[in-house]
């Protein structure tokens, strides 16, 4: 299943206004019924939740944290992906 999440990211440290970022994510259920969400454009960015809605909420936090860590380590924030 494909979905899209929107994240308002505060880049005030760079003197910019907060901006809206959109990320395509992949949503699936594991064998135990837990919802798993992955953001392919950010390597290793995965989250989960008991419901689809909670998993999508959790991936927003995971995306924000992954972007912060990648920025702190001088890594590209995202990688190119092809979302079909």
C-alpha atoms as a PDB file:
ATOM      1  CA  UNK A   1       0.000   0.000   0.000  1.00  0.00           C
ATOM      2  CA  UNK A   2       1.263   3.452  -0.806  1.00  0.00           C
ATOM      3  CA  UNK A   3       0.553   6.617   1.134  1.00  0.00           C
ATOM      4  CA  UNK A   4       1.904  10.111   1.554  1.00  0.00           C
ATOM      5  CA  UNK A   5       2.654  11.920   4.801  1.00  0.00           C
ATOM      6  CA  UNK A   6       3.130  15.644   5.284  1.00  0.00           C
ATOM      7  CA  UNK A   7       5.600  17.004   7.799  1.00  0.00           C
ATOM      8  CA  UNK A   8       6.051  20.622   8.785  1.00  0.00           C
ATOM      9  CA  UNK A   9       9.759  20.969   9.422  1.00  0.00           C
ATOM     10  CA  UNK A  10      11.098  23.962  11.320  1.00  0.00           C
ATOM     11  CA  UNK A  11      14.312  25.088   9.648  1.00  0.00           C
ATOM     12  CA  UNK A  12      14.637  28.256  11.739  1.00  0.00           C
ATOM     13  CA  UNK A  13      18.247  27.308  12.518  1.00  0.00           C
ATOM     14  CA  UNK A  14      18.941  28.179   8.882  1.00  0.00           C
ATOM     15  CA  UNK A  15      16.959  31.407   9.031  1.00  0.00           C
ATOM     16  CA  UNK A  16      14.108  29.986   6.986  1.00  0.00           C
ATOM     17  CA  UNK A  17      10.428  29.829   7.758  1.00  0.00           C
ATOM     18  CA  UNK A  18       8.973  26.432   8.570  1.00  0.00           C
ATOM     19  CA  UNK A  19       8.064  24.553   5.411  1.00  0.00           C
ATOM     20  CA  UNK A  20       5.882  21.667   4.442  1.00  0.00           C
ATOM     21  CA  UNK A  21       7.667  18.545   3.266  1.00  0.00           C
ATOM     22  CA  UNK A  22       5.860  15.621   1.623  1.00  0.00           C
ATOM     23  CA  UNK A  23       7.194  12.081   1.701  1.00  0.00           C
ATOM     24  CA  UNK A  24       5.909   8.992  -0.049  1.00  0.00           C
ATOM     25  CA  UNK A  25       5.768   6.001   2.266  1.00  0.00           C
ATOM     26  CA  UNK A  26       4.999   2.315   1.946  1.00  0.00           C
ATOM     27  CA  UNK A  27       2.474   0.860   4.391  1.00  0.00           C
ATOM     28  CA  UNK A  28       2.158  -2.864   5.076  1.00  0.00           C
ATOM     29  CA  UNK A  29       0.992  -5.233   7.791  1.00  0.00           C
ATOM     30  CA  UNK A  30       3.180  -7.930   9.272  1.00  0.00           C
ATOM     31  CA  UNK A  31       2.046 -11.444  10.211  1.00  0.00           C
ATOM     32  CA  UNK A  32       1.114 -10.235  13.726  1.00  0.00           C
ATOM     33  CA  UNK A  33      -1.172  -7.511  12.376  1.00  0.00           C
ATOM     34  CA  UNK A  34       1.172  -4.636  13.235  1.00  0.00           C
ATOM     35  CA  UNK A  35       1.273  -1.837  10.656  1.00  0.00           C
ATOM     36  CA  UNK A  36       4.767  -1.133   9.291  1.00  0.00           C
ATOM     37  CA  UNK A  37       5.598   2.097   7.446  1.00  0.00           C
ATOM     38  CA  UNK A  38       8.806   2.773   5.509  1.00  0.00           C
ATOM     39  CA  UNK A  39      10.012   6.000   3.916  1.00  0.00           C
ATOM     40  CA  UNK A  40      12.134   4.806   0.955  1.00  0.00           C
ATOM     41  CA  UNK A  41      13.667   8.236   0.310  1.00  0.00           C
ATOM     42  CA  UNK A  42      15.337   8.188   3.754  1.00  0.00           C
ATOM     43  CA  UNK A  43      17.442   5.032   4.177  1.00  0.00           C
ATOM     44  CA  UNK A  44      16.553   3.117   7.349  1.00  0.00           C
ATOM     45  CA  UNK A  45      13.530   5.269   8.180  1.00  0.00           C
ATOM     46  CA  UNK A  46      10.891   2.807   9.380  1.00  0.00           C
ATOM     47  CA  UNK A  47       8.173   2.916  12.022  1.00  0.00           C
ATOM     48  CA  UNK A  48       5.152   0.926  13.124  1.00  0.00           C
ATOM     49  CA  UNK A  49       1.840   1.166  14.939  1.00  0.00           C
ATOM     50  CA  UNK A  50      -1.085  -0.885  16.164  1.00  0.00           C
ATOM     51  CA  UNK A  51      -3.328   0.890  13.649  1.00  0.00           C
ATOM     52  CA  UNK A  52      -2.627   2.301  10.186  1.00  0.00           C
ATOM     53  CA  UNK A  53      -3.317   5.808  11.489  1.00  0.00           C
ATOM     54  CA  UNK A  54      -0.909   5.397  14.425  1.00  0.00           C
ATOM     55  CA  UNK A  55       1.789   3.992  12.135  1.00  0.00           C
ATOM     56  CA  UNK A  56       1.434   7.005   9.808  1.00  0.00           C
ATOM     57  CA  UNK A  57       1.613   9.338  12.813  1.00  0.00           C
ATOM     58  CA  UNK A  58       4.726   7.532  14.087  1.00  0.00           C
ATOM     59  CA  UNK A  59       6.526   7.715  10.728  1.00  0.00           C
ATOM     60  CA  UNK A  60       6.277  11.510  10.867  1.00  0.00           C
ATOM     61  CA  UNK A  61       8.298  11.482  14.095  1.00  0.00           C
ATOM     62  CA  UNK A  62      10.739   8.973  12.604  1.00  0.00           C
ATOM     63  CA  UNK A  63      11.194  11.122   9.486  1.00  0.00           C
ATOM     64  CA  UNK A  64      11.886  14.235  11.571  1.00  0.00           C
ATOM     65  CA  UNK A  65      14.459  12.384  13.681  1.00  0.00           C
ATOM     66  CA  UNK A  66      16.124  10.748  10.673  1.00  0.00           C
ATOM     67  CA  UNK A  67      16.416  14.117   8.914  1.00  0.00           C
ATOM     68  CA  UNK A  68      17.946  15.643  12.036  1.00  0.00           C
ATOM     69  CA  UNK A  69      20.542  12.868  12.392  1.00  0.00           C
ATOM     70  CA  UNK A  70      21.404  12.909   8.687  1.00  0.00           C
ATOM     71  CA  UNK A  71      21.830  16.689   8.827  1.00  0.00           C
ATOM     72  CA  UNK A  72      24.060  16.500  11.916  1.00  0.00           C
ATOM     73  CA  UNK A  73      26.282  13.921  10.194  1.00  0.00           C
ATOM     74  CA  UNK A  74      26.510  15.830   6.924  1.00  0.00           C
ATOM     75  CA  UNK A  75      24.617  13.173   4.975  1.00  0.00           C
ATOM     76  CA  UNK A  76      22.202  13.985   2.154  1.00  0.00           C
ATOM     77  CA  UNK A  77      18.762  14.358   3.696  1.00  0.00           C
ATOM     78  CA  UNK A  78      17.111  12.101   1.148  1.00  0.00           C
ATOM     79  CA  UNK A  79      18.063   9.772  -1.670  1.00  0.00           C
ATOM     80  CA  UNK A  80      16.420   9.557  -5.070  1.00  0.00           C
ATOM     81  CA  UNK A  81      13.657   6.986  -5.284  1.00  0.00           C
ATOM     82  CA  UNK A  82      11.168   5.948  -7.913  1.00  0.00           C
ATOM     83  CA  UNK A  83       7.716   5.672  -6.390  1.00  0.00           C
ATOM     84  CA  UNK A  84       5.453   3.818  -8.811  1.00  0.00           C
END
